[in-house]
C-alpha cells in the first residue's frame, strides 16, 4: 500500500548535523534503506521537513521506516495512505454512492 510519510526535523538536531558535516550521509543512509518511490524536501509549518512516498505491505513495516528518523534526528513522523487514480478507480465509488448516497 502506498503511503505518504511526512518527516518533521527539529531545528536543533538538524542544525547540528549540518554544522558537523554529517547531514548528507545520514539522510542518504536512511533514504537508501527505506527504498522510497520518491522523496521531496520542503517546509511545513515553518519547519524543515520531507515528504516521502513509500510502499507498506503491513502496519508492521512502519517502525522500520520511522525509527531511523526518530533515532537520528529526533524527528516527528506522520503516515497517510495515498491512492493513485487507478487505485481510486478500483475503489467502487459508484457502487458506494448507490448504497450510501
Protein backbone atom coordinates (compact mmCIF):
# COMPACT_ATOMS: atom_id res chain seq x y z
CA UNK A 1 0.00 0.00 0.00
CA UNK A 2 1.36 3.39 -0.97
CA UNK A 3 1.78 5.85 1.90
CA UNK A 4 2.94 9.41 2.26
CA UNK A 5 5.39 9.71 5.10
CA UNK A 6 5.81 13.23 6.46
CA UNK A 7 9.02 13.80 8.42
CA UNK A 8 9.43 16.95 10.53
CA UNK A 9 13.01 17.80 11.55
CA UNK A 10 13.71 19.60 14.82
CA UNK A 11 15.85 22.68 14.18
CA UNK A 12 18.49 21.94 16.82
CA UNK A 13 19.26 18.34 15.84
CA UNK A 14 19.20 19.03 12.11
CA UNK A 15 21.40 22.14 12.52
CA UNK A 16 23.93 20.08 14.49
CA UNK A 17 24.16 17.56 11.65
CA UNK A 18 24.55 20.37 9.11
CA UNK A 19 27.28 22.02 11.18
CA UNK A 20 29.26 18.83 11.82
CA UNK A 21 29.01 17.79 8.17
CA UNK A 22 27.07 14.54 8.72
CA UNK A 23 23.61 15.55 7.46
CA UNK A 24 24.12 14.34 3.88
CA UNK A 25 25.44 10.93 4.89
CA UNK A 26 22.68 10.46 7.47
CA UNK A 27 19.94 11.39 5.01
CA UNK A 28 21.41 9.18 2.29
CA UNK A 29 21.66 6.17 4.61
CA UNK A 30 18.08 6.46 5.87
CA UNK A 31 16.63 7.06 2.41
CA UNK A 32 18.59 4.21 0.81
CA UNK A 33 17.38 1.81 3.49
CA UNK A 34 13.72 2.83 3.00
CA UNK A 35 13.92 2.49 -0.80
CA UNK A 36 11.15 5.05 -1.38
CA UNK A 37 9.30 5.73 -4.61
CA UNK A 38 10.03 9.46 -4.20
CA UNK A 39 11.45 11.94 -1.67
CA UNK A 40 10.74 15.67 -1.52
CA UNK A 41 12.34 18.08 0.95
CA UNK A 42 10.22 21.07 1.80
CA UNK A 43 8.99 23.38 4.54
CA UNK A 44 5.86 22.57 6.52
CA UNK A 45 4.54 24.82 9.29
CA UNK A 46 7.80 26.81 9.27
CA UNK A 47 9.89 23.69 9.83
CA UNK A 48 12.28 21.66 7.68
CA UNK A 49 10.54 18.54 6.51
CA UNK A 50 10.38 15.78 3.94
CA UNK A 51 7.52 14.07 2.15
CA UNK A 52 8.44 10.51 1.26
CA UNK A 53 6.38 8.11 -0.84
CA UNK A 54 6.83 4.56 0.48
CA UNK A 55 5.26 1.17 -0.10
CA UNK A 56 3.98 -0.51 3.05
CA UNK A 57 2.77 -4.10 2.92
CA UNK A 58 1.50 -4.06 6.52
CA UNK A 59 1.47 -1.82 9.57
CA UNK A 60 4.45 -3.82 10.86
CA UNK A 61 6.60 -2.02 8.23
CA UNK A 62 6.07 1.38 9.85
CA UNK A 63 8.63 1.13 12.68
CA UNK A 64 11.43 0.28 10.22
CA UNK A 65 10.53 3.42 8.26
CA UNK A 66 10.04 5.75 11.24
CA UNK A 67 12.71 4.70 13.77
CA UNK A 68 15.72 5.86 11.72
CA UNK A 69 14.26 9.40 11.65
CA UNK A 70 13.44 9.29 15.37
CA UNK A 71 16.83 7.97 16.42
CA UNK A 72 18.96 10.03 14.01
CA UNK A 73 17.26 13.43 14.11
CA UNK A 74 14.67 13.20 16.91
CA UNK A 75 12.17 13.84 14.10
CA UNK A 76 8.39 13.52 14.14
CA UNK A 77 6.67 11.39 11.50
CA UNK A 78 3.15 11.04 10.16
CA UNK A 79 1.83 8.45 7.73
CA UNK A 80 -1.09 8.85 5.33
CA UNK A 81 -2.50 6.36 2.87
CA UNK A 82 -2.22 7.63 -0.71
CA UNK A 83 -4.06 6.46 -3.82
CA UNK A 84 -3.23 6.79 -7.48
CA UNK A 85 -6.03 7.49 -9.95
CA UNK A 86 -6.07 3.74 -10.74
CA UNK A 87 -6.47 2.91 -7.05
CA UNK A 88 -9.38 5.31 -6.80
CA UNK A 89 -10.98 3.83 -9.93
CA UNK A 90 -10.91 0.38 -8.27
CA UNK A 91 -12.44 1.72 -5.04
CA UNK A 92 -16.02 1.22 -6.22
CA UNK A 93 -17.20 4.79 -5.66
CA UNK A 94 -20.19 4.34 -7.99
CA UNK A 95 -21.39 1.33 -6.01
CA UNK A 96 -20.78 3.09 -2.70
CA UNK A 97 -22.72 6.10 -3.93
CA UNK A 98 -25.63 3.84 -4.87
CA UNK A 99 -25.56 2.14 -1.49
CA UNK A 100 -24.96 5.13 0.77
CA UNK A 101 -25.99 8.13 -1.34
